[in-house]
C-alpha atoms as a PDB file:
ATOM      1  CA  UNK A   1    -111.640-103.805 131.728  1.00  0.00           C
ATOM      2  CA  UNK A   2    -111.268-106.741 134.224  1.00  0.00           C
ATOM      3  CA  UNK A   3    -108.673-107.530 136.886  1.00  0.00           C
ATOM      4  CA  UNK A   4    -108.109-111.276 137.167  1.00  0.00           C
ATOM      5  CA  UNK A   5    -105.175-113.650 137.630  1.00  0.00           C
ATOM      6  CA  UNK A   6    -102.842-110.758 138.468  1.00  0.00           C
ATOM      7  CA  UNK A   7    -103.506-108.892 135.203  1.00  0.00           C
ATOM      8  CA  UNK A   8    -105.769-106.239 133.727  1.00  0.00           C
ATOM      9  CA  UNK A   9    -107.661-107.649 130.792  1.00  0.00           C
ATOM     10  CA  UNK A  10    -109.617-105.785 128.141  1.00  0.00           C
ATOM     11  CA  UNK A  11    -112.622-107.688 126.829  1.00  0.00           C
ATOM     12  CA  UNK A  12    -114.502-106.861 123.654  1.00  0.00           C
ATOM     13  CA  UNK A  13    -118.260-107.023 123.173  1.00  0.00           C
ATOM     14  CA  UNK A  14    -119.286-110.693 123.044  1.00  0.00           C
ATOM     15  CA  UNK A  15    -115.969-112.045 124.287  1.00  0.00           C
ATOM     16  CA  UNK A  16    -115.694-114.806 126.907  1.00  0.00           C
ATOM     17  CA  UNK A  17    -113.151-114.807 129.740  1.00  0.00           C
ATOM     18  CA  UNK A  18    -112.219-118.263 131.113  1.00  0.00           C
ATOM     19  CA  UNK A  19    -111.452-118.424 134.836  1.00  0.00           C
ATOM     20  CA  UNK A  20    -111.065-121.240 137.335  1.00  0.00           C
ATOM     21  CA  UNK A  21    -113.854-121.351 139.912  1.00  0.00           C
ATOM     22  CA  UNK A  22    -112.371-119.878 143.094  1.00  0.00           C
ATOM     23  CA  UNK A  23    -110.344-117.175 141.372  1.00  0.00           C
ATOM     24  CA  UNK A  24    -111.079-113.567 142.260  1.00  0.00           C
ATOM     25  CA  UNK A  25    -111.881-110.906 139.698  1.00  0.00           C
ATOM     26  CA  UNK A  26    -112.876-107.231 139.604  1.00  0.00           C
ATOM     27  CA  UNK A  27    -114.746-105.220 137.024  1.00  0.00           C
ATOM     28  CA  UNK A  28    -112.594-102.107 136.798  1.00  0.00           C
ATOM     29  CA  UNK A  29    -114.279 -99.907 134.204  1.00  0.00           C
ATOM     30  CA  UNK A  30    -115.651 -99.638 130.696  1.00  0.00           C
ATOM     31  CA  UNK A  31    -113.496 -98.406 127.836  1.00  0.00           C
ATOM     32  CA  UNK A  32    -113.556 -95.773 126.295  1.00  0.00           C
ATOM     33  CA  UNK A  33    -113.850 -93.763 129.479  1.00  0.00           C
ATOM     34  CA  UNK A  34    -115.870 -90.962 127.820  1.00  0.00           C
ATOM     35  CA  UNK A  35    -118.895 -93.304 128.069  1.00  0.00           C
ATOM     36  CA  UNK A  36    -118.785 -92.951 131.826  1.00  0.00           C
ATOM     37  CA  UNK A  37    -121.784 -91.167 133.282  1.00  0.00           C
ATOM     38  CA  UNK A  38    -123.931 -91.579 136.389  1.00  0.00           C
ATOM     39  CA  UNK A  39    -126.463 -93.561 134.320  1.00  0.00           C
ATOM     40  CA  UNK A  40    -123.868 -96.085 133.060  1.00  0.00           C
ATOM     41  CA  UNK A  41    -124.086 -99.447 134.818  1.00  0.00           C
ATOM     42  CA  UNK A  42    -121.949-102.545 134.482  1.00  0.00           C
ATOM     43  CA  UNK A  43    -124.006-105.433 135.897  1.00  0.00           C
ATOM     44  CA  UNK A  44    -122.600-108.893 136.619  1.00  0.00           C
ATOM     45  CA  UNK A  45    -125.729-111.026 136.440  1.00  0.00           C
ATOM     46  CA  UNK A  46    -125.646-113.319 139.477  1.00  0.00           C
ATOM     47  CA  UNK A  47    -123.544-111.036 141.688  1.00  0.00           C
ATOM     48  CA  UNK A  48    -124.722-108.375 144.156  1.00  0.00           C
ATOM     49  CA  UNK A  49    -122.024-105.940 145.168  1.00  0.00           C
ATOM     50  CA  UNK A  50    -124.086-103.963 147.676  1.00  0.00           C
ATOM     51  CA  UNK A  51    -126.717-106.144 149.319  1.00  0.00           C
ATOM     52  CA  UNK A  52    -128.302-103.166 151.109  1.00  0.00           C
ATOM     53  CA  UNK A  53    -128.786-101.193 147.904  1.00  0.00           C
ATOM     54  CA  UNK A  54    -128.613-103.370 144.794  1.00  0.00           C
ATOM     55  CA  UNK A  55    -128.360-100.796 141.979  1.00  0.00           C
ATOM     56  CA  UNK A  56    -126.982-103.203 139.421  1.00  0.00           C
ATOM     57  CA  UNK A  57    -123.632-101.397 139.381  1.00  0.00           C
ATOM     58  CA  UNK A  58    -120.888-103.928 140.033  1.00  0.00           C
ATOM     59  CA  UNK A  59    -117.662-102.097 139.144  1.00  0.00           C
ATOM     60  CA  UNK A  60    -115.016-101.949 141.859  1.00  0.00           C
ATOM     61  CA  UNK A  61    -115.986-105.046 143.840  1.00  0.00           C
ATOM     62  CA  UNK A  62    -113.663-107.990 144.279  1.00  0.00           C
ATOM     63  CA  UNK A  63    -115.677-111.066 143.306  1.00  0.00           C
ATOM     64  CA  UNK A  64    -114.830-114.525 144.604  1.00  0.00           C
ATOM     65  CA  UNK A  65    -116.067-116.762 141.795  1.00  0.00           C
ATOM     66  CA  UNK A  66    -116.515-119.704 144.199  1.00  0.00           C
ATOM     67  CA  UNK A  67    -118.617-118.017 146.875  1.00  0.00           C
ATOM     68  CA  UNK A  68    -120.083-114.716 145.579  1.00  0.00           C
ATOM     69  CA  UNK A  69    -122.102-115.868 142.570  1.00  0.00           C
ATOM     70  CA  UNK A  70    -125.707-117.075 142.477  1.00  0.00           C
ATOM     71  CA  UNK A  71    -126.040-120.215 140.379  1.00  0.00           C
ATOM     72  CA  UNK A  72    -129.650-119.523 139.453  1.00  0.00           C
ATOM     73  CA  UNK A  73    -128.521-116.475 137.446  1.00  0.00           C
ATOM     74  CA  UNK A  74    -125.935-118.383 135.415  1.00  0.00           C
ATOM     75  CA  UNK A  75    -126.789-118.846 131.757  1.00  0.00           C
ATOM     76  CA  UNK A  76    -127.250-122.614 132.033  1.00  0.00           C
ATOM     77  CA  UNK A  77    -128.259-122.605 135.722  1.00  0.00           C
ATOM     78  CA  UNK A  78    -125.253-124.862 136.445  1.00  0.00           C
ATOM     79  CA  UNK A  79    -122.977-122.058 137.733  1.00  0.00           C
ATOM     80  CA  UNK A  80    -120.326-122.147 135.054  1.00  0.00           C
ATOM     81  CA  UNK A  81    -121.319-119.386 132.616  1.00  0.00           C
ATOM     82  CA  UNK A  82    -122.307-115.824 133.562  1.00  0.00           C
ATOM     83  CA  UNK A  83    -123.118-112.647 131.646  1.00  0.00           C
ATOM     84  CA  UNK A  84    -121.924-109.108 132.326  1.00  0.00           C
ATOM     85  CA  UNK A  85    -123.875-106.258 130.673  1.00  0.00           C
ATOM     86  CA  UNK A  86    -122.840-102.627 130.248  1.00  0.00           C
ATOM     87  CA  UNK A  87    -125.874-100.391 129.764  1.00  0.00           C
ATOM     88  CA  UNK A  88    -126.690 -96.682 129.631  1.00  0.00           C
ATOM     89  CA  UNK A  89    -130.209 -96.206 130.928  1.00  0.00           C
ATOM     90  CA  UNK A  90    -132.154 -98.827 128.890  1.00  0.00           C
ATOM     91  CA  UNK A  91    -129.613 -99.129 126.037  1.00  0.00           C
ATOM     92  CA  UNK A  92    -127.166-102.086 126.118  1.00  0.00           C
ATOM     93  CA  UNK A  93    -123.695-100.919 125.152  1.00  0.00           C
ATOM     94  CA  UNK A  94    -122.029-104.291 125.301  1.00  0.00           C
ATOM     95  CA  UNK A  95    -121.894-107.632 126.997  1.00  0.00           C
ATOM     96  CA  UNK A  96    -119.282-110.271 127.751  1.00  0.00           C
ATOM     97  CA  UNK A  97    -119.187-113.605 129.509  1.00  0.00           C
ATOM     98  CA  UNK A  98    -117.371-115.345 132.326  1.00  0.00           C
ATOM     99  CA  UNK A  99    -116.901-119.080 131.922  1.00  0.00           C
ATOM    100  CA  UNK A 100    -115.790-120.984 135.067  1.00  0.00           C
ATOM    101  CA  UNK A 101    -113.749-124.131 134.815  1.00  0.00           C
ATOM    102  CA  UNK A 102    -113.541-126.531 137.776  1.00  0.00           C
ATOM    103  CA  UNK A 103    -110.544-126.225 140.127  1.00  0.00           C
ATOM    104  CA  UNK A 104    -108.007-129.055 139.948  1.00  0.00           C
ATOM    105  CA  UNK A 105    -105.336-130.207 142.324  1.00  0.00           C
ATOM    106  CA  UNK A 106    -101.885-130.632 140.700  1.00  0.00           C
ATOM    107  CA  UNK A 107     -99.909-131.718 143.771  1.00  0.00           C
ATOM    108  CA  UNK A 108     -99.179-131.280 147.436  1.00  0.00           C
ATOM    109  CA  UNK A 109     -95.620-131.210 148.853  1.00  0.00           C
ATOM    110  CA  UNK A 110     -95.170-132.444 152.427  1.00  0.00           C
ATOM    111  CA  UNK A 111     -91.915-132.372 154.347  1.00  0.00           C
ATOM    112  CA  UNK A 112     -91.590-135.355 156.713  1.00  0.00           C
ATOM    113  CA  UNK A 113     -89.482-134.985 159.899  1.00  0.00           C
ATOM    114  CA  UNK A 114     -87.755-131.882 158.625  1.00  0.00           C
ATOM    115  CA  UNK A 115     -85.685-133.529 155.902  1.00  0.00           C
ATOM    116  CA  UNK A 116     -87.648-135.608 153.423  1.00  0.00           C
ATOM    117  CA  UNK A 117     -89.978-134.108 150.803  1.00  0.00           C
ATOM    118  CA  UNK A 118     -92.917-136.085 149.459  1.00  0.00           C
ATOM    119  CA  UNK A 119     -94.952-135.036 146.431  1.00  0.00           C
ATOM    120  CA  UNK A 120     -98.538-136.326 146.337  1.00  0.00           C
ATOM    121  CA  UNK A 121    -100.935-135.967 143.416  1.00  0.00           C
ATOM    122  CA  UNK A 122    -104.717-136.279 143.736  1.00  0.00           C
ATOM    123  CA  UNK A 123    -105.688-139.650 145.206  1.00  0.00           C
ATOM    124  CA  UNK A 124    -102.124-140.699 146.103  1.00  0.00           C
ATOM    125  CA  UNK A 125    -101.230-142.010 149.560  1.00  0.00           C
ATOM    126  CA  UNK A 126     -98.288-141.461 151.929  1.00  0.00           C
ATOM    127  CA  UNK A 127     -97.493-143.875 154.772  1.00  0.00           C
ATOM    128  CA  UNK A 128     -96.394-142.358 158.039  1.00  0.00           C
ATOM    129  CA  UNK A 129     -95.606-143.347 161.594  1.00  0.00           C
ATOM    130  CA  UNK A 130     -97.539-141.830 164.512  1.00  0.00           C
ATOM    131  CA  UNK A 131     -94.128-140.419 165.681  1.00  0.00           C
ATOM    132  CA  UNK A 132     -93.615-138.480 162.442  1.00  0.00           C
ATOM    133  CA  UNK A 133     -94.087-134.749 161.908  1.00  0.00           C
ATOM    134  CA  UNK A 134     -95.290-133.267 158.651  1.00  0.00           C
ATOM    135  CA  UNK A 135     -94.915-129.759 157.313  1.00  0.00           C
ATOM    136  CA  UNK A 136     -97.074-128.474 154.477  1.00  0.00           C
ATOM    137  CA  UNK A 137     -94.641-126.976 151.985  1.00  0.00           C
ATOM    138  CA  UNK A 138     -96.854-126.227 149.014  1.00  0.00           C
ATOM    139  CA  UNK A 139    -100.243-126.789 147.385  1.00  0.00           C
ATOM    140  CA  UNK A 140    -100.304-126.388 143.587  1.00  0.00           C
ATOM    141  CA  UNK A 141    -103.613-126.073 141.682  1.00  0.00           C
ATOM    142  CA  UNK A 142    -104.859-124.450 138.516  1.00  0.00           C
ATOM    143  CA  UNK A 143    -106.100-121.446 140.546  1.00  0.00           C
ATOM    144  CA  UNK A 144    -103.996-118.309 140.248  1.00  0.00           C
ATOM    145  CA  UNK A 145    -102.383-117.214 143.527  1.00  0.00           C
ATOM    146  CA  UNK A 146    -101.530-119.081 146.724  1.00  0.00           C
ATOM    147  CA  UNK A 147    -103.678-117.576 149.469  1.00  0.00           C
ATOM    148  CA  UNK A 148    -106.365-119.431 151.391  1.00  0.00           C
ATOM    149  CA  UNK A 149    -105.154-122.953 150.633  1.00  0.00           C
ATOM    150  CA  UNK A 150    -104.951-125.557 153.399  1.00  0.00           C
ATOM    151  CA  UNK A 151    -105.329-129.235 154.247  1.00  0.00           C
ATOM    152  CA  UNK A 152    -108.161-130.562 156.398  1.00  0.00           C
ATOM    153  CA  UNK A 153    -107.063-133.676 158.293  1.00  0.00           C
ATOM    154  CA  UNK A 154    -109.585-135.225 160.715  1.00  0.00           C
ATOM    155  CA  UNK A 155    -110.962-131.758 161.443  1.00  0.00           C
ATOM    156  CA  UNK A 156    -107.506-130.195 161.874  1.00  0.00           C
ATOM    157  CA  UNK A 157    -106.336-127.384 159.533  1.00  0.00           C
ATOM    158  CA  UNK A 158    -102.783-127.432 158.207  1.00  0.00           C
ATOM    159  CA  UNK A 159    -101.714-124.288 156.325  1.00  0.00           C
ATOM    160  CA  UNK A 160     -98.625-123.874 154.155  1.00  0.00           C
ATOM    161  CA  UNK A 161     -95.538-123.447 156.363  1.00  0.00           C
ATOM    162  CA  UNK A 162     -97.138-125.155 159.395  1.00  0.00           C
ATOM    163  CA  UNK A 163     -95.788-128.319 161.037  1.00  0.00           C
ATOM    164  CA  UNK A 164     -97.880-130.820 163.016  1.00  0.00           C
ATOM    165  CA  UNK A 165     -97.241-134.198 164.636  1.00  0.00           C
ATOM    166  CA  UNK A 166     -99.070-137.118 163.054  1.00  0.00           C
ATOM    167  CA  UNK A 167    -100.231-138.274 166.498  1.00  0.00           C
ATOM    168  CA  UNK A 168    -102.043-134.901 166.971  1.00  0.00           C
ATOM    169  CA  UNK A 169    -103.588-134.902 163.471  1.00  0.00           C
ATOM    170  CA  UNK A 170    -104.872-138.464 163.890  1.00  0.00           C
ATOM    171  CA  UNK A 171    -105.855-138.242 167.567  1.00  0.00           C
ATOM    172  CA  UNK A 172    -109.293-139.686 168.065  1.00  0.00           C
ATOM    173  CA  UNK A 173    -109.049-141.485 164.749  1.00  0.00           C
ATOM    174  CA  UNK A 174    -106.056-143.713 165.422  1.00  0.00           C
ATOM    175  CA  UNK A 175    -108.192-146.845 164.977  1.00  0.00           C
ATOM    176  CA  UNK A 176    -108.245-146.213 161.252  1.00  0.00           C
ATOM    177  CA  UNK A 177    -105.198-146.976 159.149  1.00  0.00           C
ATOM    178  CA  UNK A 178    -106.045-144.723 156.186  1.00  0.00           C
ATOM    179  CA  UNK A 179    -107.136-141.110 156.481  1.00  0.00           C
ATOM    180  CA  UNK A 180    -108.593-138.915 153.758  1.00  0.00           C
ATOM    181  CA  UNK A 181    -107.056-135.430 153.555  1.00  0.00           C
ATOM    182  CA  UNK A 182    -109.089-132.672 151.898  1.00  0.00           C
ATOM    183  CA  UNK A 183    -107.237-129.981 149.963  1.00  0.00           C
ATOM    184  CA  UNK A 184    -109.350-126.827 150.357  1.00  0.00           C
ATOM    185  CA  UNK A 185    -109.595-123.143 149.563  1.00  0.00           C
ATOM    186  CA  UNK A 186    -112.387-120.860 150.857  1.00  0.00           C
ATOM    187  CA  UNK A 187    -114.463-123.873 151.852  1.00  0.00           C
ATOM    188  CA  UNK A 188    -114.185-125.393 148.375  1.00  0.00           C
ATOM    189  CA  UNK A 189    -112.691-128.903 148.055  1.00  0.00           C
ATOM    190  CA  UNK A 190    -110.002-128.937 145.332  1.00  0.00           C
ATOM    191  CA  UNK A 191    -108.894-132.517 145.696  1.00  0.00           C
ATOM    192  CA  UNK A 192    -108.073-135.320 148.079  1.00  0.00           C
ATOM    193  CA  UNK A 193    -104.913-137.194 149.106  1.00  0.00           C
ATOM    194  CA  UNK A 194    -104.554-139.982 151.672  1.00  0.00           C
ATOM    195  CA  UNK A 195    -102.292-140.539 154.668  1.00  0.00           C
ATOM    196  CA  UNK A 196    -101.847-144.000 156.149  1.00  0.00           C
ATOM    197  CA  UNK A 197    -100.386-145.083 159.502  1.00  0.00           C
ATOM    198  CA  UNK A 198     -97.780-147.848 159.275  1.00  0.00           C
END
């Protein structure tokens, strides 16, 4: 049984679970529960739950699929397909797979000067004055949940619900007309929009 995307999911032997890279998951347990014994291990190949004592038992750990997995242990060594094995001593009881899709930015909603909403999709540009203020209203992606998202603008971080003056965000970079804005979560770039000074 897996917890992911706000749900508990039961996977059968050989089944593949699709997640977006950056989503968190947890291996809860193996079903039926009568199989549980001290010798039973559920091992996510490419993840180490306890770095001080790696027993190969990975149940109960929250796994960030963007930062906690080792690419070299993925099935294709590209970091998008991983194997989880349930075993009792040397006998494999079952296995299933995690396939990671790339994260995608749907849109960003900015509120300009407290009254005007602007929706920007990946690559789109918004023109602003240096006297304007912007508030980050929402970031929508294909990743389940809303935590950890922010914009990175010239080294400044703007989180949902925060308001900043354009002059502050562009200070030290006012010589440039266009500015790339990175949409990020947990250090991972999800997309880019652009802001331009009029």
